[in-house]
Amino acid sequence: MAVKRINLSFSLDRKDDLEVFNILSKQKYKTDYVIKAVLSFREKRDTTLDKEIIKQAVNEAIAECGGITTGDSRKDNDDCVQHELPDSIFDMFNNL
């Protein structure tokens, strides 16, 4: 079994470095702790959607449906066309 080693250095003058150093110093099984922390961070980062990506997806979905019209929907007005958004848009939000 091959074993690799990585040395880490912490600048105790920096707040984040000091905090992580203190956390790791208290751990009995440091390697296991770091492995779990890195994998957890990567999974969380991979599943987190950026707000701008969501906004762009919603804009595109609405545009594909013909956009959202403005006008007084209470009046019988032929020039105000009501577009209905498909359920797939709402399904997209439910899956987030």
N, C-alpha and C. Protein backbone atom coordinates (compact mmCIF):
# COMPACT_ATOMS: atom_id res chain seq x y z
N MET A 1 0.84 -1.17 0.00
CA MET A 1 0.00 0.00 0.00
C MET A 1 0.90 1.24 0.00
N ALA A 2 0.64 2.14 -0.95
CA ALA A 2 1.42 3.37 -1.04
C ALA A 2 0.84 4.43 -0.11
N VAL A 3 1.72 5.10 0.57
CA VAL A 3 1.32 6.18 1.47
C VAL A 3 2.02 7.45 1.00
N LYS A 4 1.25 8.51 0.86
CA LYS A 4 1.79 9.81 0.47
C LYS A 4 1.61 10.77 1.63
N ARG A 5 2.48 11.72 1.72
CA ARG A 5 2.45 12.68 2.82
C ARG A 5 2.39 14.09 2.25
N ILE A 6 1.55 14.93 2.87
CA ILE A 6 1.48 16.34 2.51
C ILE A 6 1.72 17.14 3.78
N ASN A 7 2.65 18.06 3.72
CA ASN A 7 2.92 18.93 4.87
C ASN A 7 2.13 20.22 4.72
N LEU A 8 1.51 20.66 5.79
CA LEU A 8 0.75 21.89 5.79
C LEU A 8 1.44 22.90 6.70
N SER A 9 1.37 24.16 6.29
CA SER A 9 1.93 25.23 7.12
C SER A 9 0.82 26.23 7.39
N PHE A 10 0.78 26.71 8.62
CA PHE A 10 -0.23 27.67 9.02
C PHE A 10 0.47 28.92 9.54
N SER A 11 0.04 30.06 9.06
CA SER A 11 0.53 31.33 9.58
C SER A 11 -0.39 31.72 10.73
N LEU A 12 0.11 31.63 11.95
CA LEU A 12 -0.72 31.86 13.11
C LEU A 12 -1.07 33.34 13.30
N ASP A 13 -0.53 34.18 12.44
CA ASP A 13 -0.89 35.61 12.45
C ASP A 13 -2.23 35.83 11.74
N ARG A 14 -2.61 34.89 10.89
CA ARG A 14 -3.88 35.02 10.16
C ARG A 14 -4.97 34.28 10.92
N LYS A 15 -6.11 34.94 11.04
CA LYS A 15 -7.22 34.42 11.85
C LYS A 15 -7.68 33.04 11.36
N ASP A 16 -7.90 32.89 10.05
CA ASP A 16 -8.39 31.61 9.50
C ASP A 16 -7.38 30.49 9.72
N ASP A 17 -6.12 30.79 9.50
CA ASP A 17 -5.07 29.78 9.70
C ASP A 17 -5.05 29.32 11.16
N LEU A 18 -5.10 30.27 12.07
CA LEU A 18 -5.08 29.94 13.50
C LEU A 18 -6.28 29.08 13.88
N GLU A 19 -7.45 29.43 13.35
CA GLU A 19 -8.66 28.67 13.67
C GLU A 19 -8.55 27.23 13.18
N VAL A 20 -8.10 27.05 11.94
CA VAL A 20 -7.95 25.69 11.39
C VAL A 20 -6.87 24.92 12.13
N PHE A 21 -5.77 25.59 12.44
CA PHE A 21 -4.70 24.94 13.20
C PHE A 21 -5.22 24.42 14.54
N ASN A 22 -6.00 25.25 15.23
CA ASN A 22 -6.55 24.84 16.52
C ASN A 22 -7.52 23.67 16.38
N ILE A 23 -8.33 23.70 15.34
CA ILE A 23 -9.27 22.60 15.10
C ILE A 23 -8.52 21.30 14.85
N LEU A 24 -7.53 21.36 13.96
CA LEU A 24 -6.77 20.15 13.63
C LEU A 24 -5.94 19.65 14.82
N SER A 25 -5.45 20.57 15.61
CA SER A 25 -4.65 20.17 16.77
C SER A 25 -5.45 19.34 17.76
N LYS A 26 -6.73 19.59 17.84
CA LYS A 26 -7.60 18.87 18.79
C LYS A 26 -8.04 17.50 18.28
N GLN A 27 -7.84 17.24 16.99
CA GLN A 27 -8.30 15.98 16.38
C GLN A 27 -7.32 14.85 16.66
N LYS A 28 -7.85 13.72 17.06
CA LYS A 28 -7.00 12.56 17.30
C LYS A 28 -6.57 11.93 15.97
N TYR A 29 -7.52 11.79 15.05
CA TYR A 29 -7.23 11.20 13.74
C TYR A 29 -7.29 12.30 12.69
N LYS A 30 -6.21 13.04 12.57
CA LYS A 30 -6.16 14.22 11.71
C LYS A 30 -6.37 13.88 10.24
N THR A 31 -5.78 12.82 9.77
CA THR A 31 -5.90 12.45 8.36
C THR A 31 -7.35 12.15 8.00
N ASP A 32 -8.00 11.36 8.82
CA ASP A 32 -9.41 11.04 8.58
C ASP A 32 -10.26 12.32 8.61
N TYR A 33 -9.97 13.18 9.56
CA TYR A 33 -10.73 14.43 9.69
C TYR A 33 -10.58 15.29 8.44
N VAL A 34 -9.35 15.43 7.96
CA VAL A 34 -9.10 16.25 6.77
C VAL A 34 -9.76 15.62 5.54
N ILE A 35 -9.68 14.32 5.40
CA ILE A 35 -10.30 13.64 4.26
C ILE A 35 -11.80 13.91 4.24
N LYS A 36 -12.46 13.71 5.39
CA LYS A 36 -13.90 13.94 5.46
C LYS A 36 -14.25 15.40 5.21
N ALA A 37 -13.45 16.32 5.74
CA ALA A 37 -13.72 17.74 5.57
C ALA A 37 -13.60 18.16 4.10
N VAL A 38 -12.55 17.71 3.44
CA VAL A 38 -12.34 18.08 2.03
C VAL A 38 -13.43 17.49 1.14
N LEU A 39 -13.76 16.22 1.34
CA LEU A 39 -14.81 15.60 0.53
C LEU A 39 -16.16 16.25 0.77
N SER A 40 -16.45 16.57 2.01
CA SER A 40 -17.71 17.24 2.33
C SER A 40 -17.77 18.62 1.68
N PHE A 41 -16.67 19.35 1.74
CA PHE A 41 -16.61 20.68 1.12
C PHE A 41 -16.81 20.58 -0.38
N ARG A 42 -16.17 19.62 -1.01
CA ARG A 42 -16.29 19.46 -2.45
C ARG A 42 -17.70 19.09 -2.85
N GLU A 43 -18.35 18.18 -2.12
CA GLU A 43 -19.73 17.81 -2.42
C GLU A 43 -20.66 18.99 -2.28
N LYS A 44 -20.48 19.75 -1.24
CA LYS A 44 -21.33 20.91 -0.99
C LYS A 44 -21.15 21.96 -2.09
N ARG A 45 -19.91 22.19 -2.48
CA ARG A 45 -19.61 23.17 -3.52
C ARG A 45 -20.17 22.73 -4.86
N ASP A 46 -20.10 21.44 -5.15
CA ASP A 46 -20.58 20.93 -6.43
C ASP A 46 -22.10 21.00 -6.54
N THR A 47 -22.80 20.91 -5.41
CA THR A 47 -24.25 20.91 -5.46
C THR A 47 -24.86 22.28 -5.24
N THR A 48 -24.06 23.24 -4.87
CA THR A 48 -24.58 24.58 -4.64
C THR A 48 -24.71 25.30 -5.97
N LEU A 49 -25.91 25.82 -6.22
CA LEU A 49 -26.15 26.54 -7.45
C LEU A 49 -25.92 28.03 -7.23
N ASP A 50 -25.26 28.63 -8.17
CA ASP A 50 -25.01 30.05 -8.12
C ASP A 50 -26.30 30.81 -8.43
N LYS A 51 -26.54 31.89 -7.72
CA LYS A 51 -27.75 32.68 -7.90
C LYS A 51 -27.89 33.17 -9.34
N GLU A 52 -26.80 33.55 -9.96
CA GLU A 52 -26.86 34.04 -11.34
C GLU A 52 -27.23 32.92 -12.32
N ILE A 53 -26.80 31.70 -12.05
CA ILE A 53 -27.16 30.57 -12.91
C ILE A 53 -28.66 30.33 -12.82
N ILE A 54 -29.20 30.40 -11.62
CA ILE A 54 -30.65 30.21 -11.44
C ILE A 54 -31.42 31.31 -12.15
N LYS A 55 -30.99 32.56 -11.99
CA LYS A 55 -31.68 33.67 -12.64
C LYS A 55 -31.66 33.50 -14.16
N GLN A 56 -30.53 33.10 -14.70
CA GLN A 56 -30.41 32.92 -16.15
C GLN A 56 -31.34 31.79 -16.62
N ALA A 57 -31.40 30.70 -15.86
CA ALA A 57 -32.26 29.57 -16.23
C ALA A 57 -33.74 29.98 -16.21
N VAL A 58 -34.12 30.75 -15.20
CA VAL A 58 -35.51 31.21 -15.12
C VAL A 58 -35.82 32.15 -16.28
N ASN A 59 -34.91 33.07 -16.57
CA ASN A 59 -35.12 33.99 -17.70
C ASN A 59 -35.30 33.22 -19.01
N GLU A 60 -34.46 32.22 -19.23
CA GLU A 60 -34.56 31.43 -20.46
C GLU A 60 -35.87 30.64 -20.52
N ALA A 61 -36.27 30.08 -19.39
CA ALA A 61 -37.51 29.29 -19.36
C ALA A 61 -38.72 30.19 -19.64
N ILE A 62 -38.73 31.36 -19.05
CA ILE A 62 -39.84 32.29 -19.27
C ILE A 62 -39.85 32.76 -20.72
N ALA A 63 -38.68 33.04 -21.27
CA ALA A 63 -38.60 33.47 -22.66
C ALA A 63 -39.10 32.38 -23.61
N GLU A 64 -38.78 31.11 -23.31
CA GLU A 64 -39.25 30.00 -24.14
C GLU A 64 -40.77 29.86 -24.10
N CYS A 65 -41.38 30.34 -23.03
CA CYS A 65 -42.83 30.25 -22.90
C CYS A 65 -43.53 31.47 -23.50
N GLY A 66 -42.80 32.33 -24.11
CA GLY A 66 -43.40 33.51 -24.71
C GLY A 66 -43.32 34.74 -23.85
N GLY A 67 -42.61 34.66 -22.76
CA GLY A 67 -42.44 35.81 -21.88
C GLY A 67 -43.64 36.03 -20.99
N ILE A 68 -43.53 37.05 -20.19
CA ILE A 68 -44.62 37.45 -19.31
C ILE A 68 -45.17 38.75 -19.85
N THR A 69 -46.47 38.75 -20.07
CA THR A 69 -47.09 39.94 -20.63
C THR A 69 -47.59 40.84 -19.51
N THR A 70 -47.68 42.11 -19.83
CA THR A 70 -48.24 43.05 -18.87
C THR A 70 -49.55 43.55 -19.42
N GLY A 71 -50.35 44.00 -18.58
CA GLY A 71 -51.66 44.49 -18.99
C GLY A 71 -52.66 44.21 -17.91
N ASP A 72 -53.86 44.71 -18.06
CA ASP A 72 -54.90 44.52 -17.07
C ASP A 72 -55.65 43.23 -17.39
N SER A 73 -55.34 42.18 -16.64
CA SER A 73 -55.95 40.89 -16.92
C SER A 73 -57.40 40.83 -16.44
N ARG A 74 -57.84 41.82 -15.66
CA ARG A 74 -59.22 41.81 -15.18
C ARG A 74 -60.19 42.23 -16.27
N LYS A 75 -59.69 42.94 -17.25
CA LYS A 75 -60.56 43.37 -18.35
C LYS A 75 -60.57 42.30 -19.42
N ASP A 76 -61.68 42.21 -20.15
CA ASP A 76 -61.69 41.37 -21.34
C ASP A 76 -60.99 42.15 -22.43
N ASN A 77 -59.75 41.87 -22.58
CA ASN A 77 -58.92 42.67 -23.46
C ASN A 77 -58.20 41.71 -24.40
N ASP A 78 -58.49 41.80 -25.67
CA ASP A 78 -57.88 40.88 -26.64
C ASP A 78 -56.39 41.13 -26.82
N ASP A 79 -55.94 42.35 -26.53
CA ASP A 79 -54.52 42.62 -26.76
C ASP A 79 -53.65 42.19 -25.56
N CYS A 80 -54.28 41.68 -24.52
CA CYS A 80 -53.52 41.17 -23.36
C CYS A 80 -53.58 39.65 -23.41
N VAL A 81 -52.52 39.04 -23.88
CA VAL A 81 -52.47 37.59 -24.01
C VAL A 81 -51.89 37.01 -22.73
N GLN A 82 -52.58 36.05 -22.15
CA GLN A 82 -52.11 35.42 -20.93
C GLN A 82 -51.31 34.16 -21.30
N HIS A 83 -50.07 34.15 -20.92
CA HIS A 83 -49.23 32.97 -21.14
C HIS A 83 -49.22 32.16 -19.86
N GLU A 84 -49.33 30.87 -19.98
CA GLU A 84 -49.29 30.00 -18.82
C GLU A 84 -47.94 29.32 -18.77
N LEU A 85 -47.28 29.42 -17.63
CA LEU A 85 -45.97 28.80 -17.48
C LEU A 85 -46.14 27.29 -17.32
N PRO A 86 -45.32 26.51 -17.98
CA PRO A 86 -45.45 25.05 -17.87
C PRO A 86 -45.00 24.56 -16.49
N ASP A 87 -45.53 23.41 -16.11
CA ASP A 87 -45.20 22.82 -14.82
C ASP A 87 -43.71 22.51 -14.69
N SER A 88 -43.02 22.34 -15.80
CA SER A 88 -41.60 22.01 -15.73
C SER A 88 -40.79 23.11 -15.06
N ILE A 89 -41.23 24.34 -15.18
CA ILE A 89 -40.53 25.45 -14.52
C ILE A 89 -40.65 25.29 -13.00
N PHE A 90 -41.86 24.98 -12.53
CA PHE A 90 -42.05 24.82 -11.11
C PHE A 90 -41.37 23.55 -10.61
N ASP A 91 -41.33 22.52 -11.43
CA ASP A 91 -40.61 21.29 -11.07
C ASP A 91 -39.13 21.59 -10.86
N MET A 92 -38.59 22.48 -11.68
CA MET A 92 -37.19 22.86 -11.59
C MET A 92 -36.91 23.42 -10.19
N PHE A 93 -37.79 24.29 -9.69
CA PHE A 93 -37.59 24.88 -8.37
C PHE A 93 -37.77 23.84 -7.26
N ASN A 94 -38.70 22.93 -7.45
CA ASN A 94 -38.91 21.89 -6.44
C ASN A 94 -37.71 20.98 -6.32
N ASN A 95 -36.94 20.82 -7.41
CA ASN A 95 -35.78 19.94 -7.40
C ASN A 95 -34.54 20.61 -6.85
N LEU A 96 -34.58 21.92 -6.59
CA LEU A 96 -33.40 22.61 -6.07
C LEU A 96 -33.14 22.25 -4.63
